[in-house]
Amino acid sequence: MAAPKLDAVSAAAIDLAREAAVEVGGPDSVGEHRDVVAEEGDRIVTHTFECLLPGYADWQWAVTLVRASRAKEPTVNEAVLLPTDGALLAPEWVPWADRIGPGDIAPGMLMATPDNDPRLEPGFAATDLPVDADNADWVQLRTTVAELGLGRERVLSRFGRDEAAERWLDGPPGPGDEGSREAPAPCSTCGYFVALRGALGTMFGACTNQYSPSDGRVVSINHGCGGHSDVVAEQRARELPAPSYDTIGIDETLFD
């Protein structure tokens, strides 16, 4: 296929193209004329100009001119700012649902849970429906649960428990961190350790020692820190005797 023919009249209309670029970007944003190329179609060309806008290195203004049949002067079709091969571009947009990560939910933010989330199962007759059951069946089951007042509509499934257990064991609550390796004994033997309820209680609990870095957090039974309750001082702190002269309890001043 033959290359488009460059229209001489439109190619020579550099000033017209520059005026269009200036109108869009401002007088200080348009630099030197770079090139003119013929586009597909009759008497259509595109002029490119250097972009002087801060932060737009290697971008250029592209102004397309078109000349109608038998017309003596071209007119402006469009004026846009386009990147060249070396231009700095924004990263490819990723949907929020795909880029949300652990701990990203902030106050005021809502994150919907899918009806077929494998980490959850119906709180009533959980074994009657598989995780990939029809959505209408799940809706009907939730309605029944609500009418009977049987508590939570959905509870943690076995998959959800296993996933949480693996994540906690591999993370800071597990036994593999430096604090656990240096601890005098595991959390399972500590008086500040409170076991969780249910199946997870056989492996995890919560720390209640306010001086521990794990205070208020889930820890595994094999986790540990230097605040273990069995580390007891050999002797109690000695009580100080009463002061020989009470400078605190006297209300009078030296000048009374």
Protein backbone atom coordinates (compact mmCIF):
# COMPACT_ATOMS: atom_id res chain seq x y z
CA MET A 1 0.00 0.00 0.00
CA ALA A 2 1.36 3.39 -1.00
CA ALA A 3 2.27 5.88 1.70
CA PRO A 4 -0.11 8.85 2.15
CA LYS A 5 0.79 11.87 0.04
CA LEU A 6 1.89 14.95 1.98
CA ASP A 7 -0.32 17.95 1.23
CA ALA A 8 2.06 20.87 0.57
CA VAL A 9 -0.38 23.58 1.67
CA SER A 10 -1.17 21.93 5.01
CA ALA A 11 2.47 21.04 5.58
CA ALA A 12 3.45 24.70 5.17
CA ALA A 13 0.83 25.92 7.69
CA ILE A 14 3.20 25.66 10.67
CA ASP A 15 2.03 28.93 12.20
CA LEU A 16 -1.61 27.78 12.15
CA ALA A 17 -0.65 24.53 13.88
CA ARG A 18 1.43 26.38 16.49
CA GLU A 19 -1.47 28.73 17.28
CA ALA A 20 -3.70 25.71 17.93
CA ALA A 21 -1.14 24.15 20.28
CA VAL A 22 -0.67 27.44 22.14
CA GLU A 23 -4.43 27.81 22.51
CA VAL A 24 -4.58 24.41 24.23
CA GLY A 25 -1.41 24.48 26.34
CA GLY A 26 -0.53 28.14 26.75
CA PRO A 27 2.18 30.31 25.19
CA ASP A 28 4.98 28.93 27.41
CA SER A 29 4.23 25.27 26.69
CA VAL A 30 5.03 25.03 22.98
CA GLY A 31 8.61 24.77 21.74
CA GLU A 32 10.28 24.20 18.41
CA HIS A 33 8.56 22.60 15.44
CA ARG A 34 9.71 18.99 15.13
CA ASP A 35 8.11 17.32 12.15
CA VAL A 36 5.12 17.03 9.85
CA VAL A 37 3.74 13.73 8.58
CA ALA A 38 0.93 12.80 6.19
CA GLU A 39 -2.02 10.89 7.69
CA GLU A 40 -4.37 8.42 6.04
CA GLY A 41 -6.92 10.32 4.00
CA ASP A 42 -6.89 13.20 1.57
CA ARG A 43 -4.95 16.33 2.55
CA ILE A 44 -4.51 15.45 6.24
CA VAL A 45 -1.21 16.17 8.04
CA THR A 46 0.01 16.26 11.63
CA HIS A 47 2.53 18.81 12.92
CA THR A 48 4.50 18.03 16.07
CA PHE A 49 6.05 20.57 18.44
CA GLU A 50 8.32 20.29 21.46
CA CYS A 51 6.48 20.33 24.81
CA LEU A 52 7.91 22.70 27.43
CA LEU A 53 5.53 21.84 30.28
CA PRO A 54 7.31 20.84 33.53
CA GLY A 55 7.03 17.12 34.18
CA TYR A 56 6.34 16.26 30.54
CA ALA A 57 9.81 15.41 29.29
CA ASP A 58 9.79 13.62 25.92
CA TRP A 59 6.16 14.56 25.26
CA GLN A 60 5.11 16.55 22.20
CA TRP A 61 2.22 18.57 20.90
CA ALA A 62 0.49 16.99 17.89
CA VAL A 63 -1.74 19.24 15.78
CA THR A 64 -3.66 17.68 12.90
CA LEU A 65 -4.67 19.90 9.97
CA VAL A 66 -7.04 19.03 7.17
CA ARG A 67 -7.77 20.86 3.92
CA ALA A 68 -11.09 20.34 2.24
CA SER A 69 -11.34 19.69 -1.48
CA ARG A 70 -10.72 22.87 -3.49
CA ALA A 71 -10.08 24.86 -0.26
CA LYS A 72 -7.08 27.17 -0.27
CA GLU A 73 -6.36 27.05 3.49
CA PRO A 74 -6.38 24.11 5.94
CA THR A 75 -8.29 24.04 9.20
CA VAL A 76 -7.43 22.55 12.59
CA ASN A 77 -8.85 19.11 13.22
CA GLU A 78 -7.40 18.47 16.71
CA ALA A 79 -4.53 19.46 19.00
CA VAL A 80 -3.36 16.99 21.67
CA LEU A 81 -0.37 16.24 23.88
CA LEU A 82 1.16 12.84 23.09
CA PRO A 83 4.08 10.85 24.58
CA THR A 84 7.09 9.80 22.55
CA ASP A 85 8.94 6.51 22.98
CA GLY A 86 11.03 7.80 25.91
CA ALA A 87 8.24 9.65 27.74
CA LEU A 88 7.50 9.04 31.41
CA LEU A 89 4.05 7.46 31.65
CA ALA A 90 1.75 6.65 34.53
CA PRO A 91 1.66 2.95 35.45
CA GLU A 92 -1.08 0.83 33.93
CA TRP A 93 -4.32 1.25 35.87
CA VAL A 94 -5.20 -1.67 38.11
CA PRO A 95 -8.75 -2.08 39.49
CA TRP A 96 -9.07 -1.39 43.20
CA ALA A 97 -10.28 -4.93 43.88
CA ASP A 98 -7.04 -6.30 42.40
CA ARG A 99 -4.61 -3.96 44.14
CA ILE A 100 -6.08 -3.98 47.66
CA GLY A 101 -3.72 -5.74 50.05
CA PRO A 102 -3.63 -6.97 53.65
CA GLY A 103 -4.15 -4.13 56.12
CA ASP A 104 -5.33 -1.63 53.48
CA ILE A 105 -8.84 -1.16 54.91
CA ALA A 106 -8.87 2.26 56.59
CA PRO A 107 -11.55 3.99 58.72
CA GLY A 108 -14.58 4.82 56.59
CA MET A 109 -13.61 2.32 53.85
CA LEU A 110 -15.95 -0.53 52.94
CA MET A 111 -14.77 -3.76 51.33
CA ALA A 112 -17.57 -6.04 50.20
CA THR A 113 -17.22 -9.79 50.76
CA PRO A 114 -18.32 -12.03 47.84
CA ASP A 115 -21.24 -14.38 48.45
CA ASN A 116 -19.04 -17.31 47.53
CA ASP A 117 -15.96 -16.33 49.52
CA PRO A 118 -14.30 -19.68 50.34
CA ARG A 119 -13.13 -18.32 53.70
CA LEU A 120 -16.74 -18.24 54.93
CA GLU A 121 -19.65 -20.65 55.07
CA PRO A 122 -23.29 -20.32 56.18
CA GLY A 123 -23.74 -20.20 59.93
CA PHE A 124 -26.76 -22.51 59.68
CA ALA A 125 -26.53 -25.89 57.93
CA ALA A 126 -23.12 -24.98 56.66
CA THR A 127 -22.44 -28.39 55.19
CA ASP A 128 -25.60 -28.27 53.04
CA LEU A 129 -24.11 -25.85 50.51
CA PRO A 130 -20.74 -25.95 48.76
CA VAL A 131 -18.77 -22.73 48.38
CA ASP A 132 -19.61 -22.66 44.65
CA ALA A 133 -23.35 -23.12 45.15
CA ASP A 134 -25.83 -21.05 43.19
CA ASN A 135 -26.19 -17.48 44.47
CA ALA A 136 -29.96 -17.85 44.86
CA ASP A 137 -29.43 -20.77 47.27
CA TRP A 138 -27.14 -18.64 49.40
CA VAL A 139 -29.68 -15.80 49.48
CA GLN A 140 -32.45 -18.18 50.54
CA LEU A 141 -30.27 -19.64 53.28
CA ARG A 142 -29.37 -16.21 54.66
CA THR A 143 -33.06 -15.29 54.74
CA THR A 144 -33.85 -18.46 56.69
CA VAL A 145 -31.06 -17.75 59.17
CA ALA A 146 -32.32 -14.21 59.73
CA GLU A 147 -35.93 -15.33 60.25
CA LEU A 148 -34.99 -18.04 62.75
CA GLY A 149 -32.62 -15.76 64.64
CA LEU A 150 -29.84 -18.31 64.64
CA GLY A 151 -26.98 -15.82 64.91
CA ARG A 152 -24.37 -15.00 62.34
CA GLU A 153 -25.35 -15.63 58.76
CA ARG A 154 -21.83 -16.74 57.85
CA VAL A 155 -18.96 -18.13 59.90
CA LEU A 156 -15.35 -19.01 59.19
CA SER A 157 -15.00 -22.08 56.99
CA ARG A 158 -12.34 -24.77 57.36
CA PHE A 159 -10.54 -23.23 54.38
CA GLY A 160 -10.67 -19.82 56.09
CA ARG A 161 -9.27 -21.23 59.34
CA ASP A 162 -6.46 -23.07 57.57
CA GLU A 163 -5.57 -20.00 55.53
CA ALA A 164 -5.47 -17.79 58.63
CA ALA A 165 -3.41 -20.34 60.55
CA GLU A 166 -0.83 -20.59 57.76
CA ARG A 167 -0.61 -16.81 57.46
CA TRP A 168 -0.18 -16.30 61.20
CA LEU A 169 2.41 -19.06 61.56
CA ASP A 170 4.46 -17.62 58.71
CA GLY A 171 4.14 -14.04 60.00
CA PRO A 172 5.07 -12.15 63.19
CA PRO A 173 2.60 -14.09 65.40
CA GLY A 174 4.39 -17.34 64.57
CA PRO A 175 7.39 -19.04 66.15
CA GLY A 176 9.93 -18.07 63.51
CA ASP A 177 10.71 -14.47 64.47
CA GLU A 178 13.79 -13.41 66.42
CA GLY A 179 11.79 -12.61 69.56
CA SER A 180 10.49 -16.18 69.73
CA ARG A 181 13.95 -17.65 69.20
CA GLU A 182 15.36 -15.55 72.05
CA ALA A 183 12.39 -16.06 74.40
CA PRO A 184 12.90 -18.05 77.62
CA ALA A 185 9.74 -20.11 77.04
CA PRO A 186 6.77 -20.31 74.61
CA CYS A 187 3.51 -18.41 74.96
CA SER A 188 1.60 -21.60 75.74
CA THR A 189 3.20 -21.65 79.24
CA CYS A 190 2.82 -17.92 79.89
CA GLY A 191 0.26 -16.55 82.35
CA TYR A 192 -0.48 -13.64 80.02
CA PHE A 193 -1.56 -16.01 77.23
CA VAL A 194 -5.34 -16.33 76.61
CA ALA A 195 -6.31 -19.07 74.15
CA LEU A 196 -8.75 -18.40 71.33
CA ARG A 197 -12.05 -20.24 71.14
CA GLY A 198 -12.81 -23.00 68.68
CA ALA A 199 -10.39 -24.90 66.48
CA LEU A 200 -7.92 -22.01 66.30
CA GLY A 201 -7.62 -22.09 70.09
CA THR A 202 -5.49 -25.21 69.88
CA MET A 203 -2.76 -23.24 68.11
CA PHE A 204 -3.29 -19.53 68.88
CA GLY A 205 -4.22 -17.10 71.59
CA ALA A 206 -3.96 -13.44 72.53
CA CYS A 207 -1.23 -11.74 74.55
CA THR A 208 -2.33 -9.58 77.51
CA ASN A 209 1.08 -8.36 78.72
CA GLN A 210 1.11 -4.60 78.25
CA TYR A 211 4.92 -4.56 78.12
CA SER A 212 5.12 -7.14 75.34
CA PRO A 213 5.30 -6.09 71.67
CA SER A 214 2.52 -8.64 71.07
CA ASP A 215 0.08 -7.10 73.57
CA GLY A 216 -3.48 -7.31 72.21
CA ARG A 217 -2.42 -9.41 69.22
CA VAL A 218 -2.86 -13.02 68.14
CA VAL A 219 0.19 -15.21 68.83
CA SER A 220 0.87 -18.88 68.28
CA ILE A 221 1.42 -21.21 71.22
CA ASN A 222 5.07 -21.50 70.15
CA HIS A 223 5.57 -17.74 69.94
CA GLY A 224 7.48 -16.00 72.70
CA CYS A 225 9.05 -12.82 74.03
CA GLY A 226 11.10 -11.58 76.96
CA GLY A 227 7.99 -10.76 79.01
CA HIS A 228 7.16 -14.38 79.90
CA SER A 229 5.34 -14.63 83.24
CA ASP A 230 7.72 -17.30 84.58
CA VAL A 231 10.66 -14.89 84.44
CA VAL A 232 10.46 -13.72 88.07
CA ALA A 233 12.92 -11.42 89.78
CA GLU A 234 15.04 -13.13 92.44
CA GLN A 235 14.14 -10.48 95.01
CA ARG A 236 11.59 -7.72 95.23
CA ALA A 237 12.55 -4.10 95.14
CA ARG A 238 13.52 -2.83 98.60
CA GLU A 239 11.04 -0.40 100.14
CA LEU A 240 12.63 2.93 100.94
CA PRO A 241 12.39 4.22 104.54
CA ALA A 242 10.31 7.27 105.40
CA PRO A 243 12.17 10.57 104.83
CA SER A 244 13.81 12.13 107.91
CA TYR A 245 12.32 15.48 106.99
CA ASP A 246 8.97 15.66 105.19
CA THR A 247 9.21 18.37 102.53
CA ILE A 248 5.99 17.30 100.83
CA GLY A 249 3.38 17.11 103.55
CA ILE A 250 4.07 20.56 105.10
CA ASP A 251 1.55 23.20 104.05
CA GLU A 252 3.27 26.24 105.66
CA THR A 253 5.95 28.15 103.83
CA LEU A 254 9.23 29.31 105.38
CA PHE A 255 7.84 32.79 105.79
CA ASP A 256 4.71 31.89 107.79
